[in-house]
Amino acid sequence: MTTRTDMPTTRPAGFAAATAPPAPQVVRLPGEVVSLPLDVLDGGEVVILAIKPSLWFLLFEPLKWIAVAVLLLLCTPLIVQTALVDISQQTIVQYILLLLGVRVLTGALRWVSRFYVLTNRRVMRVHGVFHPNVWACPLIRVRNTRLTADPHERVARLGTIEFVTEESPAADHQWRFIARPAEVYAEVRRAIQRAIDNSPPM
């Protein structure tokens, strides 16, 4: 069961334009050694929030692979009996653990290279181990946002923020496995509202 909080974008009056300080050369992510280089930002763009997924990402991201690996390990006696080639149970276990280890390592690399950025102009998701991929959307073009939590996320007090844009549905653009999701979501909503209030009327 998934919990969901929907909140469309509106344009109520009352927000004053914020004075933006100069953008720094490198933005340090809170609590991490990863840095956000300047070429990700536009001139004068100010970072409001720059976070990584929770460390639970390392478990939840390859969760299906872990479940399959456990199932195969439980079934190794049957696999040995029905195998067309002569292979020992120990060898099968080693292969399963090797494949699982590679998948977990891949997930760890994905965690290292993934972070979520909110600026006074855009919302971004940066990921990619060897070739960083940046998805960015102007805040004024975010049509809706949703805060969801799958069962395993609720157990770990995590959440996922989905962004509905003009070009694609929310499932394509998510901040997954966010710690303190309600606080982060509120900050995102405030930034979107400020951007809408400060944008010139259509």
N, C-alpha and C. Protein backbone atom coordinates (compact mmCIF):
# COMPACT_ATOMS: atom_id res chain seq x y z
N MET A 1 0.85 -1.20 0.00
CA MET A 1 0.00 0.00 0.00
C MET A 1 0.88 1.24 0.00
N THR A 2 0.51 2.20 -0.83
CA THR A 2 1.30 3.42 -0.98
C THR A 2 0.52 4.60 -0.45
N THR A 3 1.15 5.39 0.40
CA THR A 3 0.54 6.63 0.84
C THR A 3 0.92 7.73 -0.11
N ARG A 4 0.03 8.70 -0.29
CA ARG A 4 0.30 9.73 -1.30
C ARG A 4 -0.25 11.07 -0.84
N THR A 5 0.52 12.10 -1.06
CA THR A 5 0.08 13.46 -0.80
C THR A 5 0.22 14.25 -2.08
N ASP A 6 -0.89 14.70 -2.63
CA ASP A 6 -0.88 15.48 -3.87
C ASP A 6 -1.04 16.94 -3.53
N MET A 7 -0.33 17.80 -4.26
CA MET A 7 -0.49 19.23 -4.05
C MET A 7 -0.20 19.94 -5.36
N PRO A 8 -1.25 20.43 -6.07
CA PRO A 8 -1.02 21.13 -7.33
C PRO A 8 -0.39 22.49 -7.09
N THR A 9 0.22 23.01 -8.11
CA THR A 9 0.82 24.34 -8.02
C THR A 9 -0.25 25.40 -8.23
N THR A 10 -0.17 26.48 -7.43
CA THR A 10 -1.11 27.60 -7.54
C THR A 10 -0.32 28.89 -7.49
N ARG A 11 -0.98 29.98 -7.64
CA ARG A 11 -0.32 31.29 -7.60
C ARG A 11 -1.03 32.22 -6.63
N PRO A 12 -1.00 31.94 -5.31
CA PRO A 12 -1.56 32.91 -4.37
C PRO A 12 -0.60 34.08 -4.18
N ALA A 13 -1.14 35.23 -3.79
CA ALA A 13 -0.30 36.40 -3.58
C ALA A 13 0.30 36.36 -2.19
N GLY A 14 1.38 37.12 -1.99
CA GLY A 14 1.86 37.27 -0.64
C GLY A 14 3.32 36.96 -0.44
N PHE A 15 3.99 36.34 -1.45
CA PHE A 15 5.41 36.06 -1.28
C PHE A 15 6.20 37.20 -1.88
N ALA A 16 7.17 37.69 -1.12
CA ALA A 16 8.05 38.74 -1.64
C ALA A 16 9.22 38.09 -2.34
N ALA A 17 9.77 38.75 -3.34
CA ALA A 17 10.92 38.21 -4.06
C ALA A 17 12.11 38.15 -3.13
N ALA A 18 12.80 36.98 -3.14
CA ALA A 18 13.96 36.80 -2.27
C ALA A 18 15.20 37.33 -2.96
N THR A 19 16.07 37.96 -2.20
CA THR A 19 17.34 38.44 -2.72
C THR A 19 18.32 37.29 -2.74
N ALA A 20 18.86 36.98 -3.93
CA ALA A 20 19.71 35.81 -4.10
C ALA A 20 21.17 36.19 -3.98
N PRO A 21 21.92 35.53 -3.08
CA PRO A 21 23.36 35.76 -3.01
C PRO A 21 24.06 35.11 -4.19
N PRO A 22 25.31 35.48 -4.47
CA PRO A 22 26.03 34.89 -5.59
C PRO A 22 26.17 33.38 -5.40
N ALA A 23 26.13 32.64 -6.52
CA ALA A 23 26.27 31.19 -6.47
C ALA A 23 27.70 30.81 -6.15
N PRO A 24 27.93 29.86 -5.25
CA PRO A 24 29.30 29.45 -4.92
C PRO A 24 29.90 28.61 -6.04
N GLN A 25 31.22 28.49 -6.02
CA GLN A 25 31.90 27.70 -7.03
C GLN A 25 31.59 26.22 -6.89
N VAL A 26 31.55 25.72 -5.67
CA VAL A 26 31.23 24.32 -5.43
C VAL A 26 30.29 24.25 -4.24
N VAL A 27 29.24 23.47 -4.38
CA VAL A 27 28.27 23.32 -3.30
C VAL A 27 28.51 21.98 -2.62
N ARG A 28 28.81 21.99 -1.34
CA ARG A 28 29.02 20.77 -0.57
C ARG A 28 27.69 20.18 -0.15
N LEU A 29 27.51 18.92 -0.40
CA LEU A 29 26.29 18.27 0.01
C LEU A 29 26.34 17.98 1.50
N PRO A 30 25.27 18.22 2.24
CA PRO A 30 25.29 18.06 3.70
C PRO A 30 25.68 16.66 4.12
N GLY A 31 26.73 16.54 4.92
CA GLY A 31 27.11 15.26 5.47
C GLY A 31 27.80 14.33 4.50
N GLU A 32 28.09 14.79 3.28
CA GLU A 32 28.71 13.92 2.28
C GLU A 32 30.00 14.57 1.75
N VAL A 33 30.82 13.75 1.09
CA VAL A 33 32.05 14.26 0.51
C VAL A 33 31.86 14.57 -0.97
N VAL A 34 30.68 14.28 -1.51
CA VAL A 34 30.40 14.55 -2.91
C VAL A 34 30.16 16.04 -3.10
N SER A 35 30.60 16.60 -4.22
CA SER A 35 30.42 18.02 -4.49
C SER A 35 29.61 18.21 -5.76
N LEU A 36 28.92 19.32 -5.81
CA LEU A 36 28.15 19.69 -6.99
C LEU A 36 28.94 20.75 -7.75
N PRO A 37 29.48 20.44 -8.94
CA PRO A 37 30.30 21.40 -9.67
C PRO A 37 29.46 22.54 -10.21
N LEU A 38 30.14 23.64 -10.46
CA LEU A 38 29.47 24.85 -10.90
C LEU A 38 28.78 24.68 -12.24
N ASP A 39 29.31 23.82 -13.14
CA ASP A 39 28.72 23.72 -14.47
C ASP A 39 27.33 23.09 -14.47
N VAL A 40 26.89 22.56 -13.33
CA VAL A 40 25.52 22.06 -13.22
C VAL A 40 24.55 23.22 -13.04
N LEU A 41 25.04 24.34 -12.54
CA LEU A 41 24.19 25.49 -12.22
C LEU A 41 24.26 26.55 -13.31
N ASP A 42 23.18 27.32 -13.42
CA ASP A 42 23.18 28.48 -14.30
C ASP A 42 23.75 29.67 -13.54
N GLY A 43 24.08 30.72 -14.27
CA GLY A 43 24.61 31.89 -13.63
C GLY A 43 23.62 32.52 -12.67
N GLY A 44 24.05 32.78 -11.45
CA GLY A 44 23.19 33.39 -10.46
C GLY A 44 22.22 32.44 -9.78
N GLU A 45 22.27 31.17 -10.13
CA GLU A 45 21.36 30.19 -9.53
C GLU A 45 21.83 29.86 -8.11
N VAL A 46 20.88 29.79 -7.19
CA VAL A 46 21.20 29.57 -5.78
C VAL A 46 20.67 28.21 -5.35
N VAL A 47 21.53 27.42 -4.73
CA VAL A 47 21.12 26.10 -4.24
C VAL A 47 20.40 26.24 -2.91
N ILE A 48 19.18 25.76 -2.86
CA ILE A 48 18.39 25.75 -1.63
C ILE A 48 18.59 24.44 -0.88
N LEU A 49 18.63 23.36 -1.63
CA LEU A 49 18.71 22.03 -1.03
C LEU A 49 19.52 21.13 -1.95
N ALA A 50 20.46 20.38 -1.39
CA ALA A 50 21.25 19.42 -2.15
C ALA A 50 21.46 18.20 -1.27
N ILE A 51 20.81 17.09 -1.59
CA ILE A 51 20.81 15.91 -0.72
C ILE A 51 21.05 14.64 -1.52
N LYS A 52 21.43 13.61 -0.81
CA LYS A 52 21.56 12.28 -1.39
C LYS A 52 20.44 11.40 -0.88
N PRO A 53 20.15 10.30 -1.57
CA PRO A 53 19.21 9.34 -1.00
C PRO A 53 19.74 8.80 0.33
N SER A 54 18.84 8.33 1.15
CA SER A 54 19.24 7.70 2.41
C SER A 54 20.13 6.49 2.12
N LEU A 55 20.93 6.13 3.10
CA LEU A 55 21.77 4.92 2.97
C LEU A 55 20.92 3.65 2.82
N TRP A 56 19.64 3.74 3.18
CA TRP A 56 18.75 2.60 2.94
C TRP A 56 18.67 2.28 1.45
N PHE A 57 19.03 3.21 0.60
CA PHE A 57 19.09 3.00 -0.85
C PHE A 57 19.92 1.76 -1.17
N LEU A 58 21.00 1.55 -0.41
CA LEU A 58 21.90 0.43 -0.67
C LEU A 58 21.20 -0.92 -0.49
N LEU A 59 20.18 -0.96 0.36
CA LEU A 59 19.41 -2.18 0.56
C LEU A 59 18.18 -2.23 -0.34
N PHE A 60 17.46 -1.12 -0.42
CA PHE A 60 16.17 -1.12 -1.12
C PHE A 60 16.33 -1.15 -2.64
N GLU A 61 17.38 -0.52 -3.16
CA GLU A 61 17.53 -0.44 -4.61
C GLU A 61 17.73 -1.83 -5.24
N PRO A 62 18.56 -2.72 -4.66
CA PRO A 62 18.69 -4.08 -5.22
C PRO A 62 17.81 -5.10 -4.50
N LEU A 63 16.71 -4.65 -3.90
CA LEU A 63 15.91 -5.54 -3.04
C LEU A 63 15.39 -6.75 -3.80
N LYS A 64 14.94 -6.56 -5.03
CA LYS A 64 14.42 -7.69 -5.80
C LYS A 64 15.52 -8.72 -6.09
N TRP A 65 16.71 -8.23 -6.37
CA TRP A 65 17.82 -9.13 -6.61
C TRP A 65 18.16 -9.93 -5.36
N ILE A 66 18.12 -9.26 -4.22
CA ILE A 66 18.40 -9.96 -2.97
C ILE A 66 17.36 -11.04 -2.72
N ALA A 67 16.09 -10.73 -2.97
CA ALA A 67 15.03 -11.72 -2.77
C ALA A 67 15.20 -12.92 -3.70
N VAL A 68 15.55 -12.65 -4.96
CA VAL A 68 15.77 -13.75 -5.91
C VAL A 68 16.97 -14.59 -5.49
N ALA A 69 18.03 -13.94 -5.03
CA ALA A 69 19.23 -14.66 -4.61
C ALA A 69 18.92 -15.57 -3.41
N VAL A 70 18.16 -15.06 -2.45
CA VAL A 70 17.78 -15.88 -1.29
C VAL A 70 16.96 -17.08 -1.73
N LEU A 71 16.03 -16.86 -2.67
CA LEU A 71 15.20 -17.96 -3.17
C LEU A 71 16.06 -19.01 -3.87
N LEU A 72 17.02 -18.57 -4.68
CA LEU A 72 17.90 -19.51 -5.38
C LEU A 72 18.78 -20.29 -4.39
N LEU A 73 19.25 -19.60 -3.36
CA LEU A 73 20.07 -20.29 -2.36
C LEU A 73 19.27 -21.38 -1.65
N LEU A 74 17.99 -21.11 -1.38
CA LEU A 74 17.15 -22.11 -0.75
C LEU A 74 16.86 -23.29 -1.68
N CYS A 75 16.92 -23.02 -2.97
CA CYS A 75 16.59 -24.06 -3.96
C CYS A 75 17.83 -24.74 -4.54
N THR A 76 19.01 -24.44 -4.01
CA THR A 76 20.22 -25.03 -4.60
C THR A 76 20.23 -26.56 -4.60
N PRO A 77 19.72 -27.25 -3.57
CA PRO A 77 19.69 -28.73 -3.66
C PRO A 77 18.87 -29.22 -4.86
N LEU A 78 17.75 -28.56 -5.11
CA LEU A 78 16.92 -28.94 -6.26
C LEU A 78 17.62 -28.62 -7.57
N ILE A 79 18.33 -27.49 -7.61
CA ILE A 79 19.07 -27.11 -8.82
C ILE A 79 20.15 -28.14 -9.13
N VAL A 80 20.84 -28.61 -8.10
CA VAL A 80 21.90 -29.61 -8.29
C VAL A 80 21.32 -30.91 -8.84
N GLN A 81 20.17 -31.30 -8.31
CA GLN A 81 19.56 -32.56 -8.74
C GLN A 81 19.06 -32.51 -10.17
N THR A 82 18.58 -31.36 -10.61
CA THR A 82 18.00 -31.25 -11.96
C THR A 82 18.95 -30.66 -12.98
N ALA A 83 20.17 -30.31 -12.58
CA ALA A 83 21.13 -29.72 -13.52
C ALA A 83 21.54 -30.71 -14.58
N LEU A 84 21.69 -30.24 -15.82
CA LEU A 84 22.09 -31.10 -16.93
C LEU A 84 23.59 -31.35 -16.94
N VAL A 85 24.34 -30.54 -16.21
CA VAL A 85 25.80 -30.72 -16.12
C VAL A 85 26.16 -31.03 -14.69
N ASP A 86 27.31 -31.63 -14.51
CA ASP A 86 27.78 -31.98 -13.17
C ASP A 86 28.34 -30.72 -12.50
N ILE A 87 27.62 -30.22 -11.50
CA ILE A 87 28.04 -29.02 -10.79
C ILE A 87 27.70 -29.19 -9.32
N SER A 88 28.61 -28.78 -8.48
CA SER A 88 28.40 -28.96 -7.05
C SER A 88 27.53 -27.85 -6.46
N GLN A 89 26.93 -28.13 -5.32
CA GLN A 89 26.11 -27.14 -4.64
C GLN A 89 26.94 -25.95 -4.20
N GLN A 90 28.16 -26.21 -3.78
CA GLN A 90 29.04 -25.12 -3.34
C GLN A 90 29.33 -24.16 -4.50
N THR A 91 29.55 -24.71 -5.70
CA THR A 91 29.82 -23.86 -6.86
C THR A 91 28.62 -22.99 -7.20
N ILE A 92 27.43 -23.58 -7.13
CA ILE A 92 26.21 -22.81 -7.42
C ILE A 92 26.06 -21.67 -6.42
N VAL A 93 26.29 -21.96 -5.15
CA VAL A 93 26.19 -20.93 -4.11
C VAL A 93 27.20 -19.81 -4.37
N GLN A 94 28.40 -20.18 -4.77
CA GLN A 94 29.43 -19.17 -5.04
C GLN A 94 29.02 -18.27 -6.21
N TYR A 95 28.45 -18.87 -7.26
CA TYR A 95 28.00 -18.09 -8.41
C TYR A 95 26.88 -17.12 -8.02
N ILE A 96 25.94 -17.61 -7.23
CA ILE A 96 24.81 -16.77 -6.81
C ILE A 96 25.32 -15.60 -5.97
N LEU A 97 26.21 -15.89 -5.03
CA LEU A 97 26.74 -14.83 -4.18
C LEU A 97 27.59 -13.84 -4.97
N LEU A 98 28.31 -14.34 -5.98
CA LEU A 98 29.10 -13.46 -6.82
C LEU A 98 28.21 -12.50 -7.60
N LEU A 99 27.16 -13.03 -8.22
CA LEU A 99 26.24 -12.18 -8.98
C LEU A 99 25.55 -11.16 -8.06
N LEU A 100 25.17 -11.62 -6.87
CA LEU A 100 24.54 -10.70 -5.92
C LEU A 100 25.52 -9.62 -5.48
N GLY A 101 26.77 -10.00 -5.24
CA GLY A 101 27.78 -9.03 -4.84
C GLY A 101 28.01 -7.97 -5.91
N VAL A 102 28.02 -8.39 -7.18
CA VAL A 102 28.19 -7.44 -8.28
C VAL A 102 27.01 -6.47 -8.32
N ARG A 103 25.81 -7.02 -8.12
CA ARG A 103 24.61 -6.16 -8.16
C ARG A 103 24.60 -5.17 -6.98
N VAL A 104 24.98 -5.61 -5.81
CA VAL A 104 25.04 -4.72 -4.65
C VAL A 104 26.10 -3.64 -4.85
N LEU A 105 27.24 -4.02 -5.42
CA LEU A 105 28.30 -3.05 -5.70
C LEU A 105 27.82 -2.01 -6.72
N THR A 106 27.09 -2.47 -7.72
CA THR A 106 26.53 -1.54 -8.70
C THR A 106 25.58 -0.55 -8.03
N GLY A 107 24.76 -1.06 -7.10
CA GLY A 107 23.86 -0.18 -6.36
C GLY A 107 24.61 0.84 -5.52
N ALA A 108 25.73 0.42 -4.94
CA ALA A 108 26.54 1.34 -4.15
C ALA A 108 27.12 2.45 -5.02
N LEU A 109 27.57 2.10 -6.22
CA LEU A 109 28.08 3.11 -7.13
C LEU A 109 26.98 4.07 -7.56
N ARG A 110 25.78 3.54 -7.74
CA ARG A 110 24.65 4.42 -8.09
C ARG A 110 24.34 5.38 -6.94
N TRP A 111 24.46 4.90 -5.72
CA TRP A 111 24.20 5.79 -4.58
C TRP A 111 25.24 6.90 -4.52
N VAL A 112 26.50 6.55 -4.73
CA VAL A 112 27.57 7.53 -4.67
C VAL A 112 27.36 8.64 -5.71
N SER A 113 26.86 8.26 -6.89
CA SER A 113 26.76 9.22 -7.99
C SER A 113 25.40 9.91 -8.07
N ARG A 114 24.51 9.64 -7.13
CA ARG A 114 23.14 10.19 -7.21
C ARG A 114 22.91 11.24 -6.14
N PHE A 115 22.39 12.38 -6.54
CA PHE A 115 21.96 13.36 -5.57
C PHE A 115 20.87 14.23 -6.17
N TYR A 116 20.12 14.86 -5.30
CA TYR A 116 18.96 15.65 -5.68
C TYR A 116 19.20 17.10 -5.29
N VAL A 117 18.89 18.00 -6.22
CA VAL A 117 19.21 19.42 -6.03
C VAL A 117 17.97 20.27 -6.26
N LEU A 118 17.74 21.19 -5.36
CA LEU A 118 16.67 22.17 -5.49
C LEU A 118 17.31 23.55 -5.46
N THR A 119 17.07 24.34 -6.50
CA THR A 119 17.58 25.70 -6.54
C THR A 119 16.41 26.68 -6.57
N ASN A 120 16.72 27.96 -6.61
CA ASN A 120 15.65 28.96 -6.69
C ASN A 120 14.99 28.98 -8.06
N ARG A 121 15.52 28.19 -9.01
CA ARG A 121 14.96 28.17 -10.36
C ARG A 121 14.51 26.78 -10.82
N ARG A 122 15.24 25.75 -10.38
CA ARG A 122 15.00 24.42 -10.94
C ARG A 122 15.00 23.35 -9.88
N VAL A 123 14.44 22.20 -10.26
CA VAL A 123 14.58 20.98 -9.49
C VAL A 123 15.38 20.01 -10.37
N MET A 124 16.35 19.31 -9.75
CA MET A 124 17.26 18.48 -10.54
C MET A 124 17.48 17.13 -9.87
N ARG A 125 17.79 16.15 -10.72
CA ARG A 125 18.26 14.85 -10.25
C ARG A 125 19.52 14.53 -11.05
N VAL A 126 20.62 14.30 -10.36
CA VAL A 126 21.90 14.01 -11.00
C VAL A 126 22.28 12.57 -10.67
N HIS A 127 22.57 11.78 -11.69
CA HIS A 127 22.99 10.39 -11.46
C HIS A 127 23.84 9.94 -12.63
N GLY A 128 24.47 8.80 -12.47
CA GLY A 128 25.35 8.28 -13.51
C GLY A 128 26.74 8.06 -12.98
N VAL A 129 27.23 6.82 -13.08
CA VAL A 129 28.52 6.47 -12.50
C VAL A 129 29.66 7.05 -13.33
N PHE A 130 29.66 6.81 -14.63
CA PHE A 130 30.76 7.25 -15.48
C PHE A 130 30.40 8.51 -16.29
N HIS A 131 29.15 8.63 -16.67
CA HIS A 131 28.71 9.79 -17.43
C HIS A 131 27.50 10.40 -16.71
N PRO A 132 27.72 11.43 -15.90
CA PRO A 132 26.62 12.01 -15.14
C PRO A 132 25.46 12.45 -16.03
N ASN A 133 24.27 12.07 -15.61
CA ASN A 133 23.05 12.43 -16.31
C ASN A 133 22.26 13.39 -15.43
N VAL A 134 21.91 14.53 -15.98
CA VAL A 134 21.22 15.56 -15.20
C VAL A 134 19.82 15.75 -15.78
N TRP A 135 18.81 15.47 -14.96
CA TRP A 135 17.45 15.85 -15.31
C TRP A 135 17.15 17.13 -14.54
N ALA A 136 16.65 18.13 -15.25
CA ALA A 136 16.34 19.42 -14.62
C ALA A 136 15.05 19.95 -15.19
N CYS A 137 14.27 20.58 -14.33
CA CYS A 137 13.00 21.17 -14.77
C CYS A 137 12.83 22.51 -14.05
N PRO A 138 12.51 23.57 -14.78
CA PRO A 138 12.22 24.85 -14.11
C PRO A 138 11.06 24.69 -13.14
N LEU A 139 11.17 25.34 -12.01
CA LEU A 139 10.13 25.19 -10.98
C LEU A 139 8.76 25.64 -11.48
N ILE A 140 8.73 26.66 -12.32
CA ILE A 140 7.44 27.17 -12.79
C ILE A 140 6.78 26.21 -13.78
N ARG A 141 7.51 25.18 -14.23
CA ARG A 141 6.92 24.20 -15.16
C ARG A 141 6.56 22.89 -14.45
N VAL A 142 6.72 22.85 -13.14
CA VAL A 142 6.26 21.68 -12.37
C VAL A 142 4.75 21.83 -12.18
N ARG A 143 3.99 20.92 -12.75
CA ARG A 143 2.53 21.03 -12.70
C ARG A 143 1.94 20.45 -11.41
N ASN A 144 2.62 19.50 -10.82
CA ASN A 144 2.11 18.90 -9.59
C ASN A 144 3.27 18.16 -8.92
N THR A 145 3.12 17.90 -7.63
CA THR A 145 4.09 17.10 -6.88
C THR A 145 3.33 16.11 -6.00
N ARG A 146 3.96 14.99 -5.73
CA ARG A 146 3.35 13.98 -4.87
C ARG A 146 4.41 13.45 -3.91
N LEU A 147 4.01 13.29 -2.67
CA LEU A 147 4.86 12.63 -1.68
C LEU A 147 4.27 11.25 -1.42
N THR A 148 5.02 10.20 -1.75
CA THR A 148 4.54 8.84 -1.59
C THR A 148 5.48 8.07 -0.68
N ALA A 149 4.99 6.94 -0.18
CA ALA A 149 5.82 6.08 0.67
C ALA A 149 5.34 4.65 0.50
N ASP A 150 6.17 3.81 -0.09
CA ASP A 150 5.87 2.39 -0.17
C ASP A 150 6.07 1.76 1.20
N PRO A 151 5.54 0.54 1.40
CA PRO A 151 5.65 -0.08 2.74
C PRO A 151 7.07 -0.13 3.28
N HIS A 152 8.04 -0.53 2.44
CA HIS A 152 9.41 -0.62 2.95
C HIS A 152 9.99 0.75 3.26
N GLU A 153 9.52 1.80 2.54
CA GLU A 153 9.97 3.15 2.85
C GLU A 153 9.40 3.62 4.19
N ARG A 154 8.13 3.29 4.44
CA ARG A 154 7.52 3.71 5.69
C ARG A 154 8.21 3.07 6.90
N VAL A 155 8.64 1.81 6.73
CA VAL A 155 9.36 1.14 7.81
C VAL A 155 10.62 1.91 8.18
N ALA A 156 11.32 2.42 7.17
CA ALA A 156 12.57 3.16 7.39
C ALA A 156 12.35 4.66 7.51
N ARG A 157 11.08 5.10 7.55
CA ARG A 157 10.74 6.53 7.64
C ARG A 157 11.30 7.32 6.48
N LEU A 158 11.16 6.76 5.29
CA LEU A 158 11.60 7.42 4.07
C LEU A 158 10.40 7.76 3.21
N GLY A 159 10.64 8.47 2.12
CA GLY A 159 9.59 8.81 1.18
C GLY A 159 10.16 9.09 -0.19
N THR A 160 9.27 9.17 -1.16
CA THR A 160 9.65 9.49 -2.54
C THR A 160 8.84 10.70 -3.00
N ILE A 161 9.52 11.67 -3.58
CA ILE A 161 8.85 12.85 -4.13
C ILE A 161 8.78 12.69 -5.64
N GLU A 162 7.58 12.79 -6.18
CA GLU A 162 7.35 12.69 -7.62
C GLU A 162 7.02 14.07 -8.18
N PHE A 163 7.56 14.35 -9.36
CA PHE A 163 7.33 15.64 -10.01
C PHE A 163 6.59 15.41 -11.32
N VAL A 164 5.42 16.01 -11.44
CA VAL A 164 4.66 15.96 -12.69
C VAL A 164 5.00 17.22 -13.47
N THR A 165 5.53 17.03 -14.68
CA THR A 165 5.92 18.17 -15.51
C THR A 165 5.05 18.20 -16.77
N GLU A 166 5.29 19.21 -17.59
CA GLU A 166 4.53 19.33 -18.83
C GLU A 166 4.86 18.22 -19.81
N GLU A 167 6.10 17.71 -19.73
CA GLU A 167 6.55 16.76 -20.73
C GLU A 167 6.27 15.31 -20.38
N SER A 168 6.25 14.97 -19.09
CA SER A 168 6.18 13.55 -18.73
C SER A 168 5.48 13.37 -17.39
N PRO A 169 5.01 12.13 -17.11
CA PRO A 169 4.34 11.87 -15.83
C PRO A 169 5.33 11.81 -14.68
N ALA A 170 4.78 11.76 -13.47
CA ALA A 170 5.62 11.82 -12.27
C ALA A 170 6.53 10.62 -12.14
N ALA A 171 6.11 9.46 -12.67
CA ALA A 171 6.91 8.25 -12.50
C ALA A 171 8.29 8.39 -13.14
N ASP A 172 8.43 9.30 -14.11
CA ASP A 172 9.71 9.47 -14.79
C ASP A 172 10.69 10.33 -14.00
N HIS A 173 10.18 11.13 -13.06
CA HIS A 173 11.05 12.07 -12.35
C HIS A 173 10.75 11.99 -10.86
N GLN A 174 11.63 11.31 -10.14
CA GLN A 174 11.41 11.08 -8.72
C GLN A 174 12.68 11.37 -7.93
N TRP A 175 12.48 11.80 -6.70
CA TRP A 175 13.53 11.78 -5.69
C TRP A 175 13.20 10.59 -4.79
N ARG A 176 13.93 9.51 -4.90
CA ARG A 176 13.58 8.28 -4.20
C ARG A 176 14.37 8.12 -2.90
N PHE A 177 13.73 7.47 -1.93
CA PHE A 177 14.35 7.11 -0.65
C PHE A 177 14.91 8.33 0.07
N ILE A 178 14.06 9.32 0.25
CA ILE A 178 14.45 10.57 0.91
C ILE A 178 14.25 10.44 2.41
N ALA A 179 15.28 10.80 3.18
CA ALA A 179 15.13 10.89 4.63
C ALA A 179 14.40 12.18 4.98
N ARG A 180 13.67 12.18 6.09
CA ARG A 180 12.85 13.32 6.52
C ARG A 180 12.00 13.85 5.36
N PRO A 181 11.22 12.97 4.74
CA PRO A 181 10.51 13.34 3.51
C PRO A 181 9.55 14.50 3.67
N ALA A 182 8.86 14.60 4.80
CA ALA A 182 7.89 15.69 4.98
C ALA A 182 8.59 17.05 4.96
N GLU A 183 9.76 17.15 5.62
CA GLU A 183 10.50 18.40 5.65
C GLU A 183 11.02 18.77 4.26
N VAL A 184 11.56 17.79 3.56
CA VAL A 184 12.09 18.05 2.22
C VAL A 184 10.96 18.45 1.28
N TYR A 185 9.84 17.75 1.39
CA TYR A 185 8.69 18.05 0.52
C TYR A 185 8.18 19.47 0.77
N ALA A 186 8.12 19.87 2.03
CA ALA A 186 7.67 21.22 2.35
C ALA A 186 8.62 22.26 1.75
N GLU A 187 9.92 22.00 1.80
CA GLU A 187 10.89 22.93 1.21
C GLU A 187 10.72 23.01 -0.30
N VAL A 188 10.47 21.88 -0.93
CA VAL A 188 10.23 21.86 -2.38
C VAL A 188 8.99 22.68 -2.72
N ARG A 189 7.92 22.48 -1.96
CA ARG A 189 6.68 23.20 -2.24
C ARG A 189 6.88 24.71 -2.07
N ARG A 190 7.60 25.11 -1.03
CA ARG A 190 7.84 26.54 -0.82
C ARG A 190 8.63 27.14 -1.99
N ALA A 191 9.65 26.41 -2.47
CA ALA A 191 10.47 26.92 -3.58
C ALA A 191 9.64 27.04 -4.86
N ILE A 192 8.78 26.07 -5.11
CA ILE A 192 7.92 26.13 -6.29
C ILE A 192 6.98 27.33 -6.20
N GLN A 193 6.40 27.52 -5.02
CA GLN A 193 5.46 28.62 -4.86
C GLN A 193 6.14 29.98 -5.02
N ARG A 194 7.36 30.10 -4.46
CA ARG A 194 8.10 31.36 -4.62
C ARG A 194 8.40 31.62 -6.09
N ALA A 195 8.81 30.56 -6.81
CA ALA A 195 9.14 30.73 -8.22
C ALA A 195 7.91 31.16 -9.02
N ILE A 196 6.75 30.59 -8.70
CA ILE A 196 5.51 30.96 -9.39
C ILE A 196 5.13 32.40 -9.05
N ASP A 197 5.23 32.75 -7.77
CA ASP A 197 4.86 34.13 -7.36
C ASP A 197 5.76 35.17 -7.99
N ASN A 198 7.03 34.84 -8.19
CA ASN A 198 8.00 35.81 -8.71
C ASN A 198 8.10 35.80 -10.22
N SER A 199 7.41 34.87 -10.87
CA SER A 199 7.46 34.82 -12.34
C SER A 199 6.55 35.86 -12.92
N PRO A 200 6.88 36.41 -14.10
CA PRO A 200 6.01 37.41 -14.74
C PRO A 200 4.69 36.79 -15.13
N PRO A 201 3.58 37.52 -15.02
CA PRO A 201 2.27 36.98 -15.39
C PRO A 201 2.21 36.62 -16.86
N MET A 202 1.47 35.55 -17.14
CA MET A 202 1.34 35.10 -18.52
C MET A 202 0.35 36.00 -19.28
